[in-house]
N, C-alpha and C. Protein backbone atom coordinates (compact mmCIF):
# COMPACT_ATOMS: atom_id res chain seq x y z
N MET A 1 -2.82 -10.49 89.78
CA MET A 1 -2.42 -10.82 88.43
C MET A 1 -2.60 -12.31 88.16
N HIS A 2 -2.12 -13.18 89.10
CA HIS A 2 -2.25 -14.62 88.90
C HIS A 2 -3.71 -15.05 88.86
N SER A 3 -4.55 -14.41 89.69
CA SER A 3 -5.97 -14.78 89.70
C SER A 3 -6.63 -14.40 88.39
N ARG A 4 -6.17 -13.31 87.78
CA ARG A 4 -6.72 -12.89 86.48
C ARG A 4 -6.36 -13.90 85.39
N ILE A 5 -5.13 -14.38 85.39
CA ILE A 5 -4.68 -15.37 84.42
C ILE A 5 -5.44 -16.67 84.62
N ILE A 6 -5.58 -17.10 85.85
CA ILE A 6 -6.33 -18.33 86.14
C ILE A 6 -7.78 -18.18 85.71
N SER A 7 -8.37 -17.02 85.94
CA SER A 7 -9.74 -16.75 85.52
C SER A 7 -9.87 -16.85 84.00
N LEU A 8 -8.91 -16.29 83.27
CA LEU A 8 -8.94 -16.38 81.80
C LEU A 8 -8.82 -17.82 81.33
N ILE A 9 -7.94 -18.58 81.95
CA ILE A 9 -7.75 -19.98 81.56
C ILE A 9 -9.02 -20.77 81.82
N LEU A 10 -9.64 -20.56 82.98
CA LEU A 10 -10.89 -21.26 83.29
C LEU A 10 -12.01 -20.86 82.34
N SER A 11 -12.09 -19.59 82.00
CA SER A 11 -13.11 -19.13 81.06
C SER A 11 -12.92 -19.80 79.71
N PHE A 12 -11.66 -19.86 79.23
CA PHE A 12 -11.37 -20.51 77.95
C PHE A 12 -11.74 -21.99 78.01
N ALA A 13 -11.40 -22.65 79.10
CA ALA A 13 -11.70 -24.08 79.24
C ALA A 13 -13.20 -24.32 79.22
N LEU A 14 -13.97 -23.46 79.88
CA LEU A 14 -15.42 -23.62 79.90
C LEU A 14 -16.01 -23.41 78.51
N VAL A 15 -15.54 -22.40 77.82
CA VAL A 15 -16.06 -22.11 76.47
C VAL A 15 -15.72 -23.24 75.51
N THR A 16 -14.46 -23.68 75.49
CA THR A 16 -14.07 -24.72 74.55
C THR A 16 -14.64 -26.07 74.95
N GLY A 17 -14.81 -26.31 76.23
CA GLY A 17 -15.37 -27.57 76.69
C GLY A 17 -16.84 -27.72 76.36
N CYS A 18 -17.54 -26.61 76.15
CA CYS A 18 -18.97 -26.65 75.85
C CYS A 18 -19.24 -26.64 74.35
N GLU A 19 -18.20 -26.59 73.55
CA GLU A 19 -18.37 -26.55 72.11
C GLU A 19 -18.99 -27.84 71.63
N SER A 20 -19.92 -27.74 70.69
CA SER A 20 -20.60 -28.90 70.14
C SER A 20 -19.61 -29.77 69.38
N ALA A 21 -19.70 -31.08 69.57
CA ALA A 21 -18.84 -32.01 68.85
C ALA A 21 -19.54 -32.53 67.60
N GLU A 22 -20.65 -31.92 67.23
CA GLU A 22 -21.36 -32.34 66.03
C GLU A 22 -20.53 -32.02 64.80
N PRO A 23 -20.37 -32.98 63.88
CA PRO A 23 -19.60 -32.71 62.67
C PRO A 23 -20.16 -31.51 61.93
N ARG A 24 -19.28 -30.76 61.28
CA ARG A 24 -19.74 -29.54 60.60
C ARG A 24 -18.79 -29.16 59.47
N ALA A 25 -19.27 -28.21 58.67
CA ALA A 25 -18.47 -27.71 57.55
C ALA A 25 -18.82 -26.26 57.31
N ARG A 26 -17.87 -25.54 56.75
CA ARG A 26 -18.13 -24.17 56.31
C ARG A 26 -17.32 -23.92 55.04
N VAL A 27 -17.85 -23.03 54.20
CA VAL A 27 -17.24 -22.73 52.91
C VAL A 27 -17.17 -21.22 52.76
N GLN A 28 -16.10 -20.74 52.14
CA GLN A 28 -16.00 -19.30 51.88
C GLN A 28 -15.39 -19.03 50.52
N TYR A 29 -15.80 -17.91 49.94
CA TYR A 29 -15.25 -17.42 48.67
C TYR A 29 -14.94 -15.95 48.85
N SER A 30 -13.74 -15.57 48.43
CA SER A 30 -13.32 -14.18 48.52
C SER A 30 -12.88 -13.72 47.14
N PRO A 31 -13.64 -12.80 46.52
CA PRO A 31 -13.30 -12.35 45.17
C PRO A 31 -11.92 -11.68 45.11
N ARG A 32 -11.18 -12.00 44.06
CA ARG A 32 -9.89 -11.36 43.82
C ARG A 32 -9.88 -10.62 42.50
N VAL A 33 -11.04 -10.63 41.82
CA VAL A 33 -11.20 -9.95 40.55
C VAL A 33 -12.53 -9.20 40.59
N ASN A 34 -12.54 -7.93 40.20
CA ASN A 34 -13.81 -7.20 40.13
C ASN A 34 -14.50 -7.52 38.81
N LEU A 35 -15.66 -8.10 38.91
CA LEU A 35 -16.48 -8.42 37.75
C LEU A 35 -17.80 -7.69 37.87
N PRO A 36 -18.41 -7.29 36.75
CA PRO A 36 -19.73 -6.65 36.86
C PRO A 36 -20.77 -7.66 37.33
N ALA A 37 -21.59 -7.24 38.26
CA ALA A 37 -22.71 -8.07 38.77
C ALA A 37 -22.24 -9.47 39.16
N GLN A 38 -21.12 -9.54 39.88
CA GLN A 38 -20.56 -10.83 40.29
C GLN A 38 -21.44 -11.49 41.34
N SER A 39 -21.79 -12.75 41.11
CA SER A 39 -22.56 -13.49 42.11
C SER A 39 -21.98 -14.89 42.24
N TRP A 40 -22.11 -15.42 43.42
CA TRP A 40 -21.58 -16.74 43.73
C TRP A 40 -22.70 -17.60 44.27
N HIS A 41 -22.86 -18.78 43.68
CA HIS A 41 -23.92 -19.72 44.06
C HIS A 41 -23.26 -20.97 44.61
N LEU A 42 -23.80 -21.48 45.70
CA LEU A 42 -23.17 -22.58 46.42
C LEU A 42 -24.22 -23.53 46.94
N THR A 43 -23.97 -24.82 46.79
CA THR A 43 -24.82 -25.85 47.41
C THR A 43 -23.91 -26.79 48.19
N ILE A 44 -24.31 -27.08 49.41
CA ILE A 44 -23.59 -28.01 50.28
C ILE A 44 -24.57 -29.11 50.64
N ASP A 45 -24.24 -30.34 50.29
CA ASP A 45 -25.16 -31.47 50.47
C ASP A 45 -24.43 -32.62 51.13
N ASP A 46 -24.94 -33.08 52.28
CA ASP A 46 -24.31 -34.20 52.98
C ASP A 46 -25.09 -35.50 52.81
N GLY A 47 -26.06 -35.51 51.91
CA GLY A 47 -26.88 -36.70 51.71
C GLY A 47 -28.15 -36.68 52.52
N ASP A 48 -28.12 -36.03 53.68
CA ASP A 48 -29.31 -35.88 54.52
C ASP A 48 -29.90 -34.48 54.40
N ARG A 49 -29.04 -33.49 54.30
CA ARG A 49 -29.45 -32.09 54.24
C ARG A 49 -28.71 -31.39 53.11
N ALA A 50 -29.44 -30.51 52.43
CA ALA A 50 -28.81 -29.69 51.40
C ALA A 50 -29.05 -28.23 51.74
N HIS A 51 -28.01 -27.42 51.64
CA HIS A 51 -28.10 -25.99 51.91
C HIS A 51 -27.67 -25.26 50.65
N SER A 52 -28.45 -24.27 50.23
CA SER A 52 -28.11 -23.46 49.06
C SER A 52 -27.94 -22.01 49.48
N PHE A 53 -26.94 -21.37 48.90
CA PHE A 53 -26.63 -19.98 49.22
C PHE A 53 -26.39 -19.22 47.93
N GLN A 54 -26.65 -17.92 47.97
CA GLN A 54 -26.33 -17.04 46.85
C GLN A 54 -25.92 -15.68 47.40
N TRP A 55 -24.79 -15.18 46.91
CA TRP A 55 -24.31 -13.84 47.26
C TRP A 55 -24.22 -13.05 45.96
N ASP A 56 -24.74 -11.83 45.97
CA ASP A 56 -24.74 -10.99 44.78
C ASP A 56 -23.89 -9.74 44.99
N ASN A 57 -23.48 -9.13 43.88
CA ASN A 57 -22.73 -7.88 43.88
C ASN A 57 -21.44 -7.95 44.70
N LEU A 58 -20.72 -9.04 44.55
CA LEU A 58 -19.46 -9.20 45.27
C LEU A 58 -18.37 -8.37 44.61
N THR A 59 -17.50 -7.82 45.42
CA THR A 59 -16.36 -7.05 44.94
C THR A 59 -15.11 -7.51 45.67
N ILE A 60 -13.95 -7.08 45.18
CA ILE A 60 -12.70 -7.41 45.87
C ILE A 60 -12.79 -6.91 47.31
N GLY A 61 -12.40 -7.76 48.23
CA GLY A 61 -12.46 -7.40 49.65
C GLY A 61 -13.70 -7.90 50.35
N SER A 62 -14.73 -8.29 49.60
CA SER A 62 -15.92 -8.85 50.25
C SER A 62 -15.67 -10.33 50.52
N LEU A 63 -16.52 -10.90 51.33
CA LEU A 63 -16.38 -12.31 51.69
C LEU A 63 -17.76 -12.94 51.68
N ALA A 64 -17.88 -14.03 50.94
CA ALA A 64 -19.11 -14.82 50.94
C ALA A 64 -18.81 -16.08 51.74
N ALA A 65 -19.37 -16.19 52.93
CA ALA A 65 -19.05 -17.32 53.80
C ALA A 65 -20.32 -17.89 54.42
N THR A 66 -20.36 -19.19 54.49
CA THR A 66 -21.49 -19.85 55.14
C THR A 66 -21.25 -19.83 56.65
N PRO A 67 -22.31 -20.01 57.41
CA PRO A 67 -22.10 -20.29 58.83
C PRO A 67 -21.60 -21.72 58.97
N ASP A 68 -21.22 -22.13 60.16
CA ASP A 68 -20.91 -23.54 60.40
C ASP A 68 -22.19 -24.32 60.18
N LEU A 69 -22.14 -25.33 59.33
CA LEU A 69 -23.31 -26.14 59.02
C LEU A 69 -23.12 -27.55 59.56
N ALA A 70 -24.09 -28.04 60.31
CA ALA A 70 -24.03 -29.41 60.82
C ALA A 70 -24.07 -30.38 59.64
N THR A 71 -23.27 -31.44 59.73
CA THR A 71 -23.25 -32.45 58.68
C THR A 71 -23.49 -33.83 59.28
N ALA A 72 -23.76 -34.78 58.42
CA ALA A 72 -23.85 -36.17 58.86
C ALA A 72 -22.45 -36.61 59.30
N SER A 73 -22.38 -37.69 60.07
CA SER A 73 -21.08 -38.14 60.57
C SER A 73 -20.43 -39.18 59.66
N SER A 74 -21.12 -39.56 58.59
CA SER A 74 -20.52 -40.46 57.61
C SER A 74 -21.18 -40.20 56.26
N GLY A 75 -20.55 -40.69 55.22
CA GLY A 75 -21.06 -40.46 53.88
C GLY A 75 -20.18 -39.48 53.14
N THR A 76 -20.79 -38.73 52.23
CA THR A 76 -20.05 -37.80 51.39
C THR A 76 -20.65 -36.41 51.46
N LEU A 77 -19.78 -35.43 51.60
CA LEU A 77 -20.18 -34.02 51.56
C LEU A 77 -19.87 -33.52 50.16
N ARG A 78 -20.90 -33.07 49.44
CA ARG A 78 -20.69 -32.57 48.08
C ARG A 78 -20.90 -31.06 48.08
N ILE A 79 -19.89 -30.36 47.60
CA ILE A 79 -19.92 -28.90 47.53
C ILE A 79 -19.90 -28.51 46.05
N THR A 80 -20.93 -27.81 45.62
CA THR A 80 -21.06 -27.39 44.22
C THR A 80 -21.11 -25.87 44.19
N PHE A 81 -20.32 -25.27 43.28
CA PHE A 81 -20.30 -23.81 43.20
C PHE A 81 -20.43 -23.34 41.76
N GLN A 82 -20.84 -22.09 41.62
CA GLN A 82 -20.89 -21.44 40.31
C GLN A 82 -20.65 -19.95 40.52
N LEU A 83 -19.71 -19.40 39.77
CA LEU A 83 -19.44 -17.96 39.77
C LEU A 83 -20.01 -17.39 38.49
N ARG A 84 -20.85 -16.37 38.63
CA ARG A 84 -21.49 -15.74 37.47
C ARG A 84 -21.18 -14.25 37.45
N SER A 85 -21.18 -13.72 36.24
CA SER A 85 -21.03 -12.28 36.07
C SER A 85 -21.79 -11.88 34.82
N ALA A 86 -22.63 -10.87 34.97
CA ALA A 86 -23.40 -10.33 33.84
C ALA A 86 -24.11 -11.45 33.08
N GLY A 87 -24.70 -12.39 33.81
CA GLY A 87 -25.48 -13.46 33.20
C GLY A 87 -24.68 -14.60 32.61
N MET A 88 -23.36 -14.55 32.72
CA MET A 88 -22.51 -15.61 32.16
C MET A 88 -21.83 -16.38 33.28
N ILE A 89 -21.62 -17.68 33.05
CA ILE A 89 -20.90 -18.52 34.02
C ILE A 89 -19.40 -18.29 33.82
N MET A 90 -18.75 -17.85 34.88
CA MET A 90 -17.30 -17.60 34.85
C MET A 90 -16.52 -18.85 35.26
N SER A 91 -17.09 -19.62 36.19
CA SER A 91 -16.46 -20.86 36.63
C SER A 91 -17.50 -21.67 37.39
N GLU A 92 -17.33 -22.97 37.35
CA GLU A 92 -18.21 -23.84 38.13
C GLU A 92 -17.50 -25.15 38.39
N GLY A 93 -17.93 -25.83 39.44
CA GLY A 93 -17.33 -27.11 39.76
C GLY A 93 -17.90 -27.69 41.03
N ASP A 94 -17.37 -28.84 41.41
CA ASP A 94 -17.80 -29.46 42.66
C ASP A 94 -16.68 -30.35 43.20
N VAL A 95 -16.67 -30.49 44.50
CA VAL A 95 -15.75 -31.39 45.19
C VAL A 95 -16.55 -32.24 46.16
N SER A 96 -16.05 -33.43 46.42
CA SER A 96 -16.67 -34.33 47.38
C SER A 96 -15.66 -34.68 48.46
N LEU A 97 -16.09 -34.59 49.70
CA LEU A 97 -15.23 -34.88 50.85
C LEU A 97 -15.87 -35.98 51.68
N ASP A 98 -15.05 -36.85 52.25
CA ASP A 98 -15.57 -37.90 53.13
C ASP A 98 -15.98 -37.29 54.46
N LEU A 99 -17.19 -37.60 54.88
CA LEU A 99 -17.67 -37.12 56.19
C LEU A 99 -17.17 -38.04 57.28
N ARG A 100 -16.92 -37.46 58.45
CA ARG A 100 -16.43 -38.21 59.61
C ARG A 100 -17.12 -37.66 60.85
N GLY A 101 -17.26 -38.50 61.85
CA GLY A 101 -17.74 -38.02 63.13
C GLY A 101 -16.63 -37.19 63.78
N ASP A 102 -16.99 -36.26 64.65
CA ASP A 102 -16.00 -35.43 65.36
C ASP A 102 -15.06 -34.74 64.38
N TRP A 103 -15.61 -34.16 63.30
CA TRP A 103 -14.76 -33.54 62.29
C TRP A 103 -15.37 -32.25 61.79
N GLU A 104 -14.51 -31.27 61.57
CA GLU A 104 -14.93 -29.99 61.01
C GLU A 104 -14.15 -29.75 59.72
N TRP A 105 -14.89 -29.56 58.61
CA TRP A 105 -14.27 -29.24 57.33
C TRP A 105 -14.31 -27.74 57.11
N GLY A 106 -13.24 -27.20 56.59
CA GLY A 106 -13.18 -25.81 56.14
C GLY A 106 -12.77 -25.80 54.68
N VAL A 107 -13.54 -25.10 53.85
CA VAL A 107 -13.29 -25.09 52.40
C VAL A 107 -13.16 -23.64 51.95
N ASP A 108 -12.12 -23.37 51.17
CA ASP A 108 -11.86 -22.03 50.66
C ASP A 108 -11.87 -22.09 49.13
N VAL A 109 -12.57 -21.14 48.50
CA VAL A 109 -12.65 -21.08 47.04
C VAL A 109 -12.14 -19.71 46.61
N ARG A 110 -11.22 -19.71 45.63
CA ARG A 110 -10.68 -18.43 45.15
C ARG A 110 -10.00 -18.60 43.80
N ILE A 111 -9.90 -17.50 43.09
CA ILE A 111 -9.18 -17.47 41.84
C ILE A 111 -7.71 -17.18 42.15
N ASP A 112 -6.83 -18.01 41.60
CA ASP A 112 -5.41 -17.83 41.86
C ASP A 112 -4.61 -18.48 40.72
N SER A 113 -3.36 -18.06 40.56
CA SER A 113 -2.52 -18.62 39.52
C SER A 113 -1.69 -19.80 40.02
N LEU A 114 -1.56 -19.94 41.33
CA LEU A 114 -0.81 -21.04 41.93
C LEU A 114 -1.71 -21.85 42.84
N ASN A 115 -1.38 -23.09 43.03
CA ASN A 115 -2.13 -23.95 43.94
C ASN A 115 -1.98 -23.41 45.37
N PRO A 116 -3.07 -22.91 45.98
CA PRO A 116 -2.98 -22.34 47.33
C PRO A 116 -2.57 -23.36 48.39
N GLN A 117 -2.73 -24.65 48.09
CA GLN A 117 -2.36 -25.67 49.06
C GLN A 117 -0.86 -25.66 49.33
N LEU A 118 -0.08 -25.19 48.37
CA LEU A 118 1.37 -25.15 48.54
C LEU A 118 1.79 -24.21 49.66
N GLN A 119 0.94 -23.23 49.99
CA GLN A 119 1.24 -22.27 51.06
C GLN A 119 0.29 -22.43 52.25
N CYS A 120 -0.39 -23.54 52.31
CA CYS A 120 -1.41 -23.74 53.35
C CYS A 120 -0.99 -24.86 54.28
N PHE A 121 -0.66 -24.49 55.49
CA PHE A 121 -0.29 -25.48 56.50
C PHE A 121 -1.58 -26.05 57.06
N GLY A 122 -1.81 -27.33 56.91
CA GLY A 122 -3.02 -27.94 57.41
C GLY A 122 -4.05 -28.26 56.34
N CYS A 123 -3.82 -27.82 55.12
CA CYS A 123 -4.75 -28.16 54.04
C CYS A 123 -4.56 -29.63 53.67
N LEU A 124 -5.67 -30.28 53.38
CA LEU A 124 -5.62 -31.70 53.07
C LEU A 124 -5.80 -31.99 51.58
N GLY A 125 -6.22 -30.99 50.82
CA GLY A 125 -6.41 -31.21 49.40
C GLY A 125 -6.74 -29.94 48.66
N ALA A 126 -6.63 -30.02 47.33
CA ALA A 126 -6.95 -28.87 46.47
C ALA A 126 -7.33 -29.39 45.10
N ARG A 127 -8.16 -28.63 44.43
CA ARG A 127 -8.57 -28.97 43.07
C ARG A 127 -8.81 -27.67 42.31
N SER A 128 -8.39 -27.66 41.05
CA SER A 128 -8.59 -26.45 40.24
C SER A 128 -9.67 -26.68 39.19
N PHE A 129 -10.30 -25.58 38.80
CA PHE A 129 -11.36 -25.59 37.80
C PHE A 129 -11.09 -24.45 36.82
N PRO A 130 -11.47 -24.64 35.55
CA PRO A 130 -11.27 -23.57 34.57
C PRO A 130 -12.06 -22.32 34.96
N VAL A 131 -11.52 -21.17 34.59
CA VAL A 131 -12.19 -19.90 34.84
C VAL A 131 -12.16 -19.11 33.54
N ALA A 132 -13.26 -18.44 33.23
CA ALA A 132 -13.36 -17.66 31.99
C ALA A 132 -12.28 -16.58 31.94
N VAL A 133 -11.85 -16.25 30.74
CA VAL A 133 -10.81 -15.25 30.55
C VAL A 133 -11.18 -13.94 31.23
N ALA A 134 -12.45 -13.54 31.19
CA ALA A 134 -12.89 -12.28 31.79
C ALA A 134 -12.72 -12.26 33.30
N ALA A 135 -12.62 -13.43 33.92
CA ALA A 135 -12.49 -13.50 35.38
C ALA A 135 -11.06 -13.72 35.84
N ARG A 136 -10.13 -13.75 34.91
CA ARG A 136 -8.72 -13.97 35.26
C ARG A 136 -7.98 -12.66 35.44
N ARG A 137 -7.04 -12.67 36.36
CA ARG A 137 -6.10 -11.55 36.50
C ARG A 137 -4.95 -11.73 35.53
N ILE A 138 -4.49 -13.01 35.42
CA ILE A 138 -3.43 -13.38 34.47
C ILE A 138 -3.84 -14.69 33.80
N ALA A 139 -3.16 -15.05 32.73
CA ALA A 139 -3.55 -16.22 31.93
C ALA A 139 -3.53 -17.52 32.72
N LYS A 140 -2.68 -17.65 33.73
CA LYS A 140 -2.55 -18.89 34.49
C LYS A 140 -3.62 -19.07 35.56
N ASP A 141 -4.49 -18.11 35.76
CA ASP A 141 -5.49 -18.20 36.83
C ASP A 141 -6.46 -19.36 36.63
N SER A 142 -6.83 -19.97 37.73
CA SER A 142 -7.85 -21.01 37.81
C SER A 142 -8.71 -20.73 39.03
N MET A 143 -9.85 -21.37 39.12
CA MET A 143 -10.65 -21.33 40.34
C MET A 143 -10.16 -22.50 41.19
N TRP A 144 -9.62 -22.18 42.35
CA TRP A 144 -9.06 -23.19 43.25
C TRP A 144 -9.99 -23.44 44.43
N VAL A 145 -10.18 -24.70 44.74
CA VAL A 145 -10.90 -25.11 45.94
C VAL A 145 -9.90 -25.85 46.80
N THR A 146 -9.67 -25.37 48.02
CA THR A 146 -8.79 -26.04 48.97
C THR A 146 -9.60 -26.41 50.19
N TRP A 147 -9.22 -27.49 50.84
CA TRP A 147 -9.95 -27.91 52.03
C TRP A 147 -9.00 -28.47 53.07
N GLY A 148 -9.44 -28.31 54.29
CA GLY A 148 -8.71 -28.83 55.43
C GLY A 148 -9.72 -29.17 56.51
N GLY A 149 -9.29 -29.93 57.47
CA GLY A 149 -10.20 -30.32 58.53
C GLY A 149 -9.44 -30.58 59.81
N ASN A 150 -10.23 -30.78 60.86
CA ASN A 150 -9.63 -31.02 62.16
C ASN A 150 -10.66 -31.70 63.05
N SER A 151 -10.15 -32.45 64.01
CA SER A 151 -11.02 -33.03 65.03
C SER A 151 -11.63 -31.90 65.86
N ILE A 152 -12.85 -32.06 66.24
CA ILE A 152 -13.50 -31.05 67.08
C ILE A 152 -13.12 -31.25 68.54
N LYS A 153 -13.18 -32.51 69.01
CA LYS A 153 -12.89 -32.79 70.41
C LYS A 153 -11.39 -32.75 70.72
N ASN A 154 -10.56 -33.18 69.77
CA ASN A 154 -9.11 -33.24 69.99
C ASN A 154 -8.38 -32.58 68.81
N PRO A 155 -8.54 -31.27 68.66
CA PRO A 155 -7.96 -30.60 67.50
C PRO A 155 -6.43 -30.57 67.54
N VAL A 156 -5.85 -30.68 66.35
CA VAL A 156 -4.42 -30.47 66.21
C VAL A 156 -4.22 -28.96 66.15
N VAL A 157 -3.32 -28.45 66.96
CA VAL A 157 -3.04 -27.02 66.99
C VAL A 157 -1.81 -26.76 66.14
N TYR A 158 -1.97 -25.97 65.11
CA TYR A 158 -0.86 -25.70 64.18
C TYR A 158 -0.06 -24.51 64.64
C-alpha cells in the first residue's frame, strides 16, 4: 500500500515537474441561452501572435474553449469576442490583460445577471458588455468576461 502511494506521488511530481513554464492563456464560452444559429467568434492577440476561432451551432451545455495558447512573456494580451445569432450581433467586446513570464491566464465568457467574479475564488477581474434582448434570460443579463491567473512554476493552490 505504501509503495503504491509513493509511486503515485512520484508520478505526479514527474508530470508536474515536466510541465512547460511558457506563459499561456485559454478562453472559454459556455452558452446559457439557446439562440438560433448561435456562433461565437474569438481572437486572442499577444502582439506577436494572433489566433482566431469560430464555433457554430452552439447550444446550452456546449462549450467553446481554446486549447492552451503560448503567449509572449510581456506586453498586452487582447481578447476580442463576438456572439452572433441568425446573422445579428448579440454581444461583442474586448479585454486587455498584462502579459507576464511564468503566468497562465484563464478567461471565462458567459451571459449572466450578476457579476460572476463575486462567486469566483481566484478571479482577478471582470467586465460586462451589453447583450441584445434576444440573448437575455432576464432583463439584467449582460455578457460577462472574468479572468484569473496563476504562476506556472509556483502556483497558488486554492
